Amino acid sequence: MKWTDTLDIAIALAEHQPDVDPKVIRFTDLHAWVLALPGFDDDPNRSGEKILEAIQMAWIDEVE
């Protein structure tokens, strides 16, 4: 997965962080969780607020 695979990342986060409410997460935590996902293989420095926000929105949609 790459940073641009927002839906795949959101699905994986929903599976790996089932007790987390994505509406109240910090981007620093989100960044670390994405990097820790199995299959994630992208430069940690390529993410930004816009990408993290897109992942968060997709994660919210996934759990609702």
Protein backbone atom coordinates (compact mmCIF):
# COMPACT_ATOMS: atom_id res chain seq x y z
CA MET A 1 0.00 0.00 0.00
CA LYS A 2 1.03 3.56 -0.65
CA TRP A 3 -0.20 6.81 0.93
CA THR A 4 -2.57 7.31 -2.00
CA ASP A 5 -4.38 4.01 -1.30
CA THR A 6 -6.68 5.76 1.16
CA LEU A 7 -9.54 3.26 1.00
CA ASP A 8 -7.27 0.24 1.43
CA ILE A 9 -5.55 1.96 4.34
CA ALA A 10 -8.90 2.84 5.93
CA ILE A 11 -10.10 -0.76 5.68
CA ALA A 12 -6.86 -2.05 7.19
CA LEU A 13 -7.03 0.50 10.02
CA ALA A 14 -10.62 -0.48 10.79
CA GLU A 15 -9.44 -4.09 11.12
CA HIS A 16 -6.25 -3.39 13.08
CA GLN A 17 -7.57 -0.61 15.33
CA PRO A 18 -11.16 -1.74 16.05
CA ASP A 19 -11.40 0.10 19.39
CA VAL A 20 -10.33 3.46 17.98
CA ASP A 21 -12.85 6.15 17.06
CA PRO A 22 -11.43 7.69 13.86
CA LYS A 23 -13.34 10.93 14.53
CA VAL A 24 -11.11 11.81 17.50
CA ILE A 25 -7.65 10.66 16.45
CA ARG A 26 -4.50 12.74 16.27
CA PHE A 27 -2.70 12.81 12.95
CA THR A 28 0.55 11.83 14.68
CA ASP A 29 -1.12 8.61 15.88
CA LEU A 30 -2.73 8.01 12.49
CA HIS A 31 0.63 8.42 10.78
CA ALA A 32 2.25 5.86 13.09
CA TRP A 33 -0.61 3.37 12.68
CA VAL A 34 -0.44 3.59 8.89
CA LEU A 35 3.31 2.98 8.93
CA ALA A 36 2.75 -0.09 11.13
CA LEU A 37 0.18 -1.68 8.82
CA PRO A 38 1.21 -4.96 7.19
CA GLY A 39 1.72 -4.37 3.49
CA PHE A 40 2.31 -0.63 3.82
CA ASP A 41 5.41 0.26 1.83
CA ASP A 42 5.86 3.96 1.17
CA ASP A 43 8.13 6.77 2.29
CA PRO A 44 7.02 7.98 5.75
CA ASN A 45 7.83 11.55 4.70
CA ARG A 46 5.47 11.53 1.71
CA SER A 47 2.36 11.99 3.83
CA GLY A 48 0.91 15.32 4.77
CA GLU A 49 -2.14 16.73 6.45
CA LYS A 50 -4.20 16.41 3.27
CA ILE A 51 -3.42 12.70 2.85
CA LEU A 52 -3.96 11.94 6.53
CA GLU A 53 -7.28 13.79 6.44
CA ALA A 54 -8.38 11.75 3.40
CA ILE A 55 -7.45 8.52 5.22
CA GLN A 56 -9.34 9.66 8.31
CA MET A 57 -12.47 10.47 6.28
CA ALA A 58 -12.33 7.09 4.51
CA TRP A 59 -11.87 5.35 7.87
CA ILE A 60 -14.90 7.17 9.31
CA ASP A 61 -16.96 6.09 6.29
CA GLU A 62 -15.71 2.52 6.69
CA VAL A 63 -16.79 2.16 10.33
CA GLU A 64 -20.18 3.84 9.89
